[in-house]
Amino acid sequence: MITLLLAALQAAPAALKAVPKILEALERLGDIQTARAAQQRKDEKDKAIIDLIAAARKRRLRREREVGRVQGDSGAASDGHGDGSGI
């Protein structure tokens, strides 16, 4: 029993020397996790922006088609299109 205690006491300084390196490694892991979380938030925001732009573009195209249909239904030729001239 005493032999085990003495062996543990002799190993203690070596174990204490490893503590700063262990703490540095844990800090690096924390930094990596923070960076990953930040990148994930950025990717999600980028996707949301892309989705918003696509939806706005779709609405704009739909409005343009509706305006074109309304103008085409008026019976008047507009800008030389739709009057049979082949332009």
PDB file of N, CA and C in Angstrom:
ATOM      1  N   MET A   1       0.832  -1.186   0.000  1.00  0.00           N
ATOM      2  CA  MET A   1       0.000   0.000   0.000  1.00  0.00           C
ATOM      3  C   MET A   1       0.877   1.251   0.000  1.00  0.00           C
ATOM      4  N   ILE A   2       1.856   1.249   0.851  1.00  0.00           N
ATOM      5  CA  ILE A   2       2.769   2.390   0.933  1.00  0.00           C
ATOM      6  C   ILE A   2       3.550   2.515  -0.373  1.00  0.00           C
ATOM      7  N   THR A   3       3.905   1.398  -0.974  1.00  0.00           N
ATOM      8  CA  THR A   3       4.640   1.421  -2.240  1.00  0.00           C
ATOM      9  C   THR A   3       3.807   2.097  -3.323  1.00  0.00           C
ATOM     10  N   LEU A   4       2.533   1.802  -3.359  1.00  0.00           N
ATOM     11  CA  LEU A   4       1.640   2.425  -4.345  1.00  0.00           C
ATOM     12  C   LEU A   4       1.530   3.923  -4.101  1.00  0.00           C
ATOM     13  N   LEU A   5       1.457   4.311  -2.849  1.00  0.00           N
ATOM     14  CA  LEU A   5       1.359   5.718  -2.506  1.00  0.00           C
ATOM     15  C   LEU A   5       2.631   6.460  -2.914  1.00  0.00           C
ATOM     16  N   LEU A   6       3.768   5.872  -2.669  1.00  0.00           N
ATOM     17  CA  LEU A   6       5.041   6.479  -3.053  1.00  0.00           C
ATOM     18  C   LEU A   6       5.149   6.594  -4.578  1.00  0.00           C
ATOM     19  N   ALA A   7       4.725   5.578  -5.274  1.00  0.00           N
ATOM     20  CA  ALA A   7       4.764   5.604  -6.736  1.00  0.00           C
ATOM     21  C   ALA A   7       3.862   6.709  -7.277  1.00  0.00           C
ATOM     22  N   ALA A   8       2.705   6.887  -6.677  1.00  0.00           N
ATOM     23  CA  ALA A   8       1.769   7.929  -7.090  1.00  0.00           C
ATOM     24  C   ALA A   8       2.357   9.302  -6.834  1.00  0.00           C
ATOM     25  N   LEU A   9       3.007   9.486  -5.698  1.00  0.00           N
ATOM     26  CA  LEU A   9       3.622  10.768  -5.379  1.00  0.00           C
ATOM     27  C   LEU A   9       4.775  11.088  -6.332  1.00  0.00           C
ATOM     28  N   GLN A  10       5.505  10.086  -6.750  1.00  0.00           N
ATOM     29  CA  GLN A  10       6.604  10.305  -7.685  1.00  0.00           C
ATOM     30  C   GLN A  10       6.078  10.659  -9.083  1.00  0.00           C
ATOM     31  N   ALA A  11       4.931  10.130  -9.457  1.00  0.00           N
ATOM     32  CA  ALA A  11       4.360  10.391 -10.775  1.00  0.00           C
ATOM     33  C   ALA A  11       3.630  11.725 -10.827  1.00  0.00           C
ATOM     34  N   ALA A  12       3.286  12.288  -9.692  1.00  0.00           N
ATOM     35  CA  ALA A  12       2.503  13.520  -9.631  1.00  0.00           C
ATOM     36  C   ALA A  12       3.171  14.682 -10.364  1.00  0.00           C
ATOM     37  N   PRO A  13       4.465  14.950 -10.201  1.00  0.00           N
ATOM     38  CA  PRO A  13       5.063  16.087 -10.928  1.00  0.00           C
ATOM     39  C   PRO A  13       4.942  15.937 -12.450  1.00  0.00           C
ATOM     40  N   ALA A  14       5.097  14.748 -12.970  1.00  0.00           N
ATOM     41  CA  ALA A  14       4.967  14.533 -14.414  1.00  0.00           C
ATOM     42  C   ALA A  14       3.535  14.795 -14.858  1.00  0.00           C
ATOM     43  N   ALA A  15       2.583  14.374 -14.062  1.00  0.00           N
ATOM     44  CA  ALA A  15       1.178  14.606 -14.402  1.00  0.00           C
ATOM     45  C   ALA A  15       0.855  16.091 -14.344  1.00  0.00           C
ATOM     46  N   LEU A  16       1.429  16.797 -13.381  1.00  0.00           N
ATOM     47  CA  LEU A  16       1.179  18.236 -13.280  1.00  0.00           C
ATOM     48  C   LEU A  16       1.775  18.995 -14.460  1.00  0.00           C
ATOM     49  N   LYS A  17       2.879  18.501 -15.008  1.00  0.00           N
ATOM     50  CA  LYS A  17       3.474  19.142 -16.173  1.00  0.00           C
ATOM     51  C   LYS A  17       2.560  19.030 -17.392  1.00  0.00           C
ATOM     52  N   ALA A  18       1.737  18.002 -17.446  1.00  0.00           N
ATOM     53  CA  ALA A  18       0.851  17.783 -18.595  1.00  0.00           C
ATOM     54  C   ALA A  18      -0.396  18.652 -18.528  1.00  0.00           C
ATOM     55  N   VAL A  19      -0.728  19.169 -17.364  1.00  0.00           N
ATOM     56  CA  VAL A  19      -1.969  19.931 -17.200  1.00  0.00           C
ATOM     57  C   VAL A  19      -2.034  21.138 -18.149  1.00  0.00           C
ATOM     58  N   PRO A  20      -1.007  21.984 -18.270  1.00  0.00           N
ATOM     59  CA  PRO A  20      -1.134  23.118 -19.201  1.00  0.00           C
ATOM     60  C   PRO A  20      -1.390  22.692 -20.650  1.00  0.00           C
ATOM     61  N   LYS A  21      -0.735  21.629 -21.080  1.00  0.00           N
ATOM     62  CA  LYS A  21      -0.963  21.154 -22.457  1.00  0.00           C
ATOM     63  C   LYS A  21      -2.377  20.625 -22.628  1.00  0.00           C
ATOM     64  N   ILE A  22      -2.879  19.976 -21.605  1.00  0.00           N
ATOM     65  CA  ILE A  22      -4.265  19.479 -21.660  1.00  0.00           C
ATOM     66  C   ILE A  22      -5.223  20.656 -21.746  1.00  0.00           C
ATOM     67  N   LEU A  23      -4.979  21.698 -20.940  1.00  0.00           N
ATOM     68  CA  LEU A  23      -5.843  22.882 -20.982  1.00  0.00           C
ATOM     69  C   LEU A  23      -5.779  23.574 -22.349  1.00  0.00           C
ATOM     70  N   GLU A  24      -4.603  23.670 -22.944  1.00  0.00           N
ATOM     71  CA  GLU A  24      -4.473  24.263 -24.282  1.00  0.00           C
ATOM     72  C   GLU A  24      -5.263  23.471 -25.314  1.00  0.00           C
ATOM     73  N   ALA A  25      -5.178  22.155 -25.214  1.00  0.00           N
ATOM     74  CA  ALA A  25      -5.912  21.302 -26.158  1.00  0.00           C
ATOM     75  C   ALA A  25      -7.415  21.491 -26.000  1.00  0.00           C
ATOM     76  N   LEU A  26      -7.869  21.614 -24.756  1.00  0.00           N
ATOM     77  CA  LEU A  26      -9.301  21.837 -24.528  1.00  0.00           C
ATOM     78  C   LEU A  26      -9.739  23.195 -25.071  1.00  0.00           C
ATOM     79  N   GLU A  27      -8.900  24.214 -24.918  1.00  0.00           N
ATOM     80  CA  GLU A  27      -9.224  25.526 -25.471  1.00  0.00           C
ATOM     81  C   GLU A  27      -9.306  25.476 -26.996  1.00  0.00           C
ATOM     82  N   ARG A  28      -8.384  24.770 -27.621  1.00  0.00           N
ATOM     83  CA  ARG A  28      -8.415  24.640 -29.087  1.00  0.00           C
ATOM     84  C   ARG A  28      -9.686  23.923 -29.536  1.00  0.00           C
ATOM     85  N   LEU A  29     -10.078  22.891 -28.800  1.00  0.00           N
ATOM     86  CA  LEU A  29     -11.320  22.190 -29.148  1.00  0.00           C
ATOM     87  C   LEU A  29     -12.516  23.129 -29.029  1.00  0.00           C
ATOM     88  N   GLY A  30     -12.511  23.945 -27.996  1.00  0.00           N
ATOM     89  CA  GLY A  30     -13.589  24.928 -27.838  1.00  0.00           C
ATOM     90  C   GLY A  30     -13.605  25.923 -28.980  1.00  0.00           C
ATOM     91  N   ASP A  31     -12.405  26.381 -29.404  1.00  0.00           N
ATOM     92  CA  ASP A  31     -12.317  27.316 -30.525  1.00  0.00           C
ATOM     93  C   ASP A  31     -12.821  26.679 -31.811  1.00  0.00           C
ATOM     94  N   ILE A  32     -12.485  25.435 -32.021  1.00  0.00           N
ATOM     95  CA  ILE A  32     -12.937  24.727 -33.222  1.00  0.00           C
ATOM     96  C   ILE A  32     -14.451  24.603 -33.216  1.00  0.00           C
ATOM     97  N   GLN A  33     -15.020  24.263 -32.061  1.00  0.00           N
ATOM     98  CA  GLN A  33     -16.469  24.128 -31.968  1.00  0.00           C
ATOM     99  C   GLN A  33     -17.152  25.473 -32.212  1.00  0.00           C
ATOM    100  N   THR A  34     -16.580  26.543 -31.684  1.00  0.00           N
ATOM    101  CA  THR A  34     -17.141  27.881 -31.901  1.00  0.00           C
ATOM    102  C   THR A  34     -17.101  28.242 -33.377  1.00  0.00           C
ATOM    103  N   ALA A  35     -15.989  27.953 -34.033  1.00  0.00           N
ATOM    104  CA  ALA A  35     -15.861  28.248 -35.460  1.00  0.00           C
ATOM    105  C   ALA A  35     -16.861  27.438 -36.282  1.00  0.00           C
ATOM    106  N   ARG A  36     -17.042  26.189 -35.934  1.00  0.00           N
ATOM    107  CA  ARG A  36     -18.017  25.355 -36.655  1.00  0.00           C
ATOM    108  C   ARG A  36     -19.428  25.895 -36.492  1.00  0.00           C
ATOM    109  N   ALA A  37     -19.774  26.290 -35.273  1.00  0.00           N
ATOM    110  CA  ALA A  37     -21.113  26.826 -35.027  1.00  0.00           C
ATOM    111  C   ALA A  37     -21.317  28.124 -35.803  1.00  0.00           C
ATOM    112  N   ALA A  38     -20.299  28.977 -35.818  1.00  0.00           N
ATOM    113  CA  ALA A  38     -20.396  30.237 -36.562  1.00  0.00           C
ATOM    114  C   ALA A  38     -20.555  29.972 -38.058  1.00  0.00           C
ATOM    115  N   GLN A  39     -19.817  29.019 -38.596  1.00  0.00           N
ATOM    116  CA  GLN A  39     -19.928  28.685 -40.013  1.00  0.00           C
ATOM    117  C   GLN A  39     -21.307  28.132 -40.334  1.00  0.00           C
ATOM    118  N   GLN A  40     -21.846  27.322 -39.428  1.00  0.00           N
ATOM    119  CA  GLN A  40     -23.175  26.763 -39.650  1.00  0.00           C
ATOM    120  C   GLN A  40     -24.226  27.876 -39.667  1.00  0.00           C
ATOM    121  N   ARG A  41     -24.113  28.843 -38.735  1.00  0.00           N
ATOM    122  CA  ARG A  41     -25.053  29.968 -38.726  1.00  0.00           C
ATOM    123  C   ARG A  41     -24.929  30.782 -40.010  1.00  0.00           C
ATOM    124  N   LYS A  42     -23.692  31.005 -40.475  1.00  0.00           N
ATOM    125  CA  LYS A  42     -23.480  31.753 -41.715  1.00  0.00           C
ATOM    126  C   LYS A  42     -24.094  31.017 -42.894  1.00  0.00           C
ATOM    127  N   ASP A  43     -23.880  29.708 -42.962  1.00  0.00           N
ATOM    128  CA  ASP A  43     -24.440  28.915 -44.062  1.00  0.00           C
ATOM    129  C   ASP A  43     -25.965  28.971 -44.058  1.00  0.00           C
ATOM    130  N   GLU A  44     -26.564  28.915 -42.865  1.00  0.00           N
ATOM    131  CA  GLU A  44     -28.021  28.976 -42.771  1.00  0.00           C
ATOM    132  C   GLU A  44     -28.536  30.344 -43.215  1.00  0.00           C
ATOM    133  N   LYS A  45     -27.834  31.412 -42.820  1.00  0.00           N
ATOM    134  CA  LYS A  45     -28.238  32.756 -43.241  1.00  0.00           C
ATOM    135  C   LYS A  45     -28.079  32.909 -44.750  1.00  0.00           C
ATOM    136  N   ASP A  46     -26.975  32.414 -45.299  1.00  0.00           N
ATOM    137  CA  ASP A  46     -26.763  32.490 -46.749  1.00  0.00           C
ATOM    138  C   ASP A  46     -27.880  31.774 -47.495  1.00  0.00           C
ATOM    139  N   LYS A  47     -28.275  30.605 -47.012  1.00  0.00           N
ATOM    140  CA  LYS A  47     -29.353  29.854 -47.648  1.00  0.00           C
ATOM    141  C   LYS A  47     -30.667  30.625 -47.565  1.00  0.00           C
ATOM    142  N   ALA A  48     -30.920  31.241 -46.421  1.00  0.00           N
ATOM    143  CA  ALA A  48     -32.149  32.023 -46.267  1.00  0.00           C
ATOM    144  C   ALA A  48     -32.159  33.193 -47.244  1.00  0.00           C
ATOM    145  N   ILE A  49     -31.029  33.847 -47.421  1.00  0.00           N
ATOM    146  CA  ILE A  49     -30.949  34.967 -48.362  1.00  0.00           C
ATOM    147  C   ILE A  49     -31.171  34.486 -49.789  1.00  0.00           C
ATOM    148  N   ILE A  50     -30.554  33.378 -50.143  1.00  0.00           N
ATOM    149  CA  ILE A  50     -30.739  32.817 -51.488  1.00  0.00           C
ATOM    150  C   ILE A  50     -32.206  32.466 -51.713  1.00  0.00           C
ATOM    151  N   ASP A  51     -32.846  31.873 -50.697  1.00  0.00           N
ATOM    152  CA  ASP A  51     -34.266  31.526 -50.814  1.00  0.00           C
ATOM    153  C   ASP A  51     -35.126  32.778 -50.969  1.00  0.00           C
ATOM    154  N   LEU A  52     -34.805  33.841 -50.206  1.00  0.00           N
ATOM    155  CA  LEU A  52     -35.571  35.084 -50.316  1.00  0.00           C
ATOM    156  C   LEU A  52     -35.419  35.710 -51.700  1.00  0.00           C
ATOM    157  N   ILE A  53     -34.200  35.707 -52.222  1.00  0.00           N
ATOM    158  CA  ILE A  53     -33.964  36.263 -53.557  1.00  0.00           C
ATOM    159  C   ILE A  53     -34.720  35.454 -54.610  1.00  0.00           C
ATOM    160  N   ALA A  54     -34.689  34.145 -54.496  1.00  0.00           N
ATOM    161  CA  ALA A  54     -35.391  33.292 -55.459  1.00  0.00           C
ATOM    162  C   ALA A  54     -36.901  33.538 -55.398  1.00  0.00           C
ATOM    163  N   ALA A  55     -37.431  33.679 -54.183  1.00  0.00           N
ATOM    164  CA  ALA A  55     -38.869  33.932 -54.049  1.00  0.00           C
ATOM    165  C   ALA A  55     -39.238  35.294 -54.629  1.00  0.00           C
ATOM    166  N   ALA A  56     -38.399  36.306 -54.385  1.00  0.00           N
ATOM    167  CA  ALA A  56     -38.673  37.638 -54.935  1.00  0.00           C
ATOM    168  C   ALA A  56     -38.613  37.611 -56.458  1.00  0.00           C
ATOM    169  N   ARG A  57     -37.632  36.903 -57.001  1.00  0.00           N
ATOM    170  CA  ARG A  57     -37.508  36.793 -58.462  1.00  0.00           C
ATOM    171  C   ARG A  57     -38.747  36.106 -59.046  1.00  0.00           C
ATOM    172  N   LYS A  58     -39.208  35.061 -58.373  1.00  0.00           N
ATOM    173  CA  LYS A  58     -40.391  34.332 -58.839  1.00  0.00           C
ATOM    174  C   LYS A  58     -41.627  35.236 -58.823  1.00  0.00           C
ATOM    175  N   ARG A  59     -41.774  36.024 -57.747  1.00  0.00           N
ATOM    176  CA  ARG A  59     -42.918  36.943 -57.678  1.00  0.00           C
ATOM    177  C   ARG A  59     -42.840  37.997 -58.779  1.00  0.00           C
ATOM    178  N   ARG A  60     -41.623  38.509 -59.019  1.00  0.00           N
ATOM    179  CA  ARG A  60     -41.441  39.528 -60.066  1.00  0.00           C
ATOM    180  C   ARG A  60     -41.809  38.958 -61.432  1.00  0.00           C
ATOM    181  N   LEU A  61     -41.337  37.757 -61.731  1.00  0.00           N
ATOM    182  CA  LEU A  61     -41.657  37.143 -63.027  1.00  0.00           C
ATOM    183  C   LEU A  61     -43.155  36.890 -63.167  1.00  0.00           C
ATOM    184  N   ARG A  62     -43.791  36.464 -62.079  1.00  0.00           N
ATOM    185  CA  ARG A  62     -45.238  36.227 -62.118  1.00  0.00           C
ATOM    186  C   ARG A  62     -45.979  37.532 -62.384  1.00  0.00           C
ATOM    187  N   ARG A  63     -45.550  38.619 -61.716  1.00  0.00           N
ATOM    188  CA  ARG A  63     -46.181  39.928 -61.944  1.00  0.00           C
ATOM    189  C   ARG A  63     -45.984  40.380 -63.385  1.00  0.00           C
ATOM    190  N   GLU A  64     -44.773  40.179 -63.910  1.00  0.00           N
ATOM    191  CA  GLU A  64     -44.507  40.584 -65.288  1.00  0.00           C
ATOM    192  C   GLU A  64     -45.382  39.804 -66.259  1.00  0.00           C
ATOM    193  N   ARG A  65     -45.578  38.519 -66.010  1.00  0.00           N
ATOM    194  CA  ARG A  65     -46.453  37.726 -66.885  1.00  0.00           C
ATOM    195  C   ARG A  65     -47.896  38.206 -66.778  1.00  0.00           C
ATOM    196  N   GLU A  66     -48.336  38.517 -65.550  1.00  0.00           N
ATOM    197  CA  GLU A  66     -49.710  38.989 -65.372  1.00  0.00           C
ATOM    198  C   GLU A  66     -49.911  40.336 -66.053  1.00  0.00           C
ATOM    199  N   VAL A  67     -48.947  41.233 -65.950  1.00  0.00           N
ATOM    200  CA  VAL A  67     -49.033  42.539 -66.605  1.00  0.00           C
ATOM    201  C   VAL A  67     -49.056  42.341 -68.115  1.00  0.00           C
ATOM    202  N   GLY A  68     -48.245  41.421 -68.613  1.00  0.00           N
ATOM    203  CA  GLY A  68     -48.235  41.141 -70.050  1.00  0.00           C
ATOM    204  C   GLY A  68     -49.560  40.610 -70.533  1.00  0.00           C
ATOM    205  N   ARG A  69     -50.189  39.748 -69.731  1.00  0.00           N
ATOM    206  CA  ARG A  69     -51.501  39.213 -70.114  1.00  0.00           C
ATOM    207  C   ARG A  69     -52.549  40.304 -70.116  1.00  0.00           C
ATOM    208  N   VAL A  70     -52.500  41.171 -69.118  1.00  0.00           N
ATOM    209  CA  VAL A  70     -53.487  42.251 -69.043  1.00  0.00           C
ATOM    210  C   VAL A  70     -53.305  43.192 -70.225  1.00  0.00           C
ATOM    211  N   GLN A  71     -52.071  43.537 -70.563  1.00  0.00           N
ATOM    212  CA  GLN A  71     -51.832  44.405 -71.710  1.00  0.00           C
ATOM    213  C   GLN A  71     -52.240  43.714 -73.003  1.00  0.00           C
ATOM    214  N   GLY A  72     -51.995  42.426 -73.098  1.00  0.00           N
ATOM    215  CA  GLY A  72     -52.355  41.682 -74.307  1.00  0.00           C
ATOM    216  C   GLY A  72     -53.850  41.538 -74.474  1.00  0.00           C
ATOM    217  N   ASP A  73     -54.604  41.573 -73.389  1.00  0.00           N
ATOM    218  CA  ASP A  73     -56.057  41.441 -73.444  1.00  0.00           C
ATOM    219  C   ASP A  73     -56.755  42.745 -73.803  1.00  0.00           C
ATOM    220  N   SER A  74     -56.011  43.831 -73.855  1.00  0.00           N
ATOM    221  CA  SER A  74     -56.654  45.129 -74.098  1.00  0.00           C
ATOM    222  C   SER A  74     -57.103  45.299 -75.549  1.00  0.00           C
ATOM    223  N   GLY A  75     -56.609  44.447 -76.436  1.00  0.00           N
ATOM    224  CA  GLY A  75     -57.017  44.536 -77.824  1.00  0.00           C
ATOM    225  C   GLY A  75     -56.142  45.464 -78.646  1.00  0.00           C
ATOM    226  N   ALA A  76     -55.261  46.203 -77.999  1.00  0.00           N
ATOM    227  CA  ALA A  76     -54.381  47.129 -78.724  1.00  0.00           C
ATOM    228  C   ALA A  76     -53.000  46.488 -78.850  1.00  0.00           C
ATOM    229  N   ALA A  77     -52.371  46.742 -79.963  1.00  0.00           N
ATOM    230  CA  ALA A  77     -51.022  46.234 -80.154  1.00  0.00           C
ATOM    231  C   ALA A  77     -50.061  47.117 -79.383  1.00  0.00           C
ATOM    232  N   SER A  78     -49.063  46.490 -78.791  1.00  0.00           N
ATOM    233  CA  SER A  78     -48.099  47.280 -78.025  1.00  0.00           C
ATOM    234  C   SER A  78     -46.715  47.085 -78.613  1.00  0.00           C
ATOM    235  N   ASP A  79     -46.047  48.171 -78.943  1.00  0.00           N
ATOM    236  CA  ASP A  79     -44.660  48.159 -79.417  1.00  0.00           C
ATOM    237  C   ASP A  79     -44.455  47.268 -80.624  1.00  0.00           C
ATOM    238  N   GLY A  80     -45.425  47.105 -81.455  1.00  0.00           N
ATOM    239  CA  GLY A  80     -45.270  46.332 -82.663  1.00  0.00           C
ATOM    240  C   GLY A  80     -45.326  44.830 -82.456  1.00  0.00           C
ATOM    241  N   HIS A  81     -45.527  44.388 -81.234  1.00  0.00           N
ATOM    242  CA  HIS A  81     -45.631  42.956 -80.955  1.00  0.00           C
ATOM    243  C   HIS A  81     -47.095  42.563 -80.899  1.00  0.00           C
ATOM    244  N   GLY A  82     -47.388  41.414 -81.389  1.00  0.00           N
ATOM    245  CA  GLY A  82     -48.743  40.908 -81.311  1.00  0.00           C
ATOM    246  C   GLY A  82     -49.671  41.471 -82.366  1.00  0.00           C
ATOM    247  N   ASP A  83     -49.114  42.214 -83.323  1.00  0.00           N
ATOM    248  CA  ASP A  83     -49.967  42.782 -84.365  1.00  0.00           C
ATOM    249  C   ASP A  83     -49.894  42.016 -85.679  1.00  0.00           C
ATOM    250  N   GLY A  84     -49.258  40.838 -85.617  1.00  0.00           N
ATOM    251  CA  GLY A  84     -49.171  40.035 -86.819  1.00  0.00           C
ATOM    252  C   GLY A  84     -48.005  40.413 -87.716  1.00  0.00           C
ATOM    253  N   SER A  85     -47.162  41.319 -87.279  1.00  0.00           N
ATOM    254  CA  SER A  85     -46.039  41.747 -88.132  1.00  0.00           C
ATOM    255  C   SER A  85     -44.869  40.797 -88.094  1.00  0.00           C
ATOM    256  N   GLY A  86     -44.890  39.826 -87.207  1.00  0.00           N
ATOM    257  CA  GLY A  86     -43.835  38.850 -87.151  1.00  0.00           C
ATOM    258  C   GLY A  86     -42.617  39.302 -86.367  1.00  0.00           C
ATOM    259  N   ILE A  87     -42.722  40.398 -85.709  1.00  0.00           N
ATOM    260  CA  ILE A  87     -41.583  40.897 -84.924  1.00  0.00           C
ATOM    261  C   ILE A  87     -41.628  40.297 -83.548  1.00  0.00           C
TER     262      ILE A  87
END
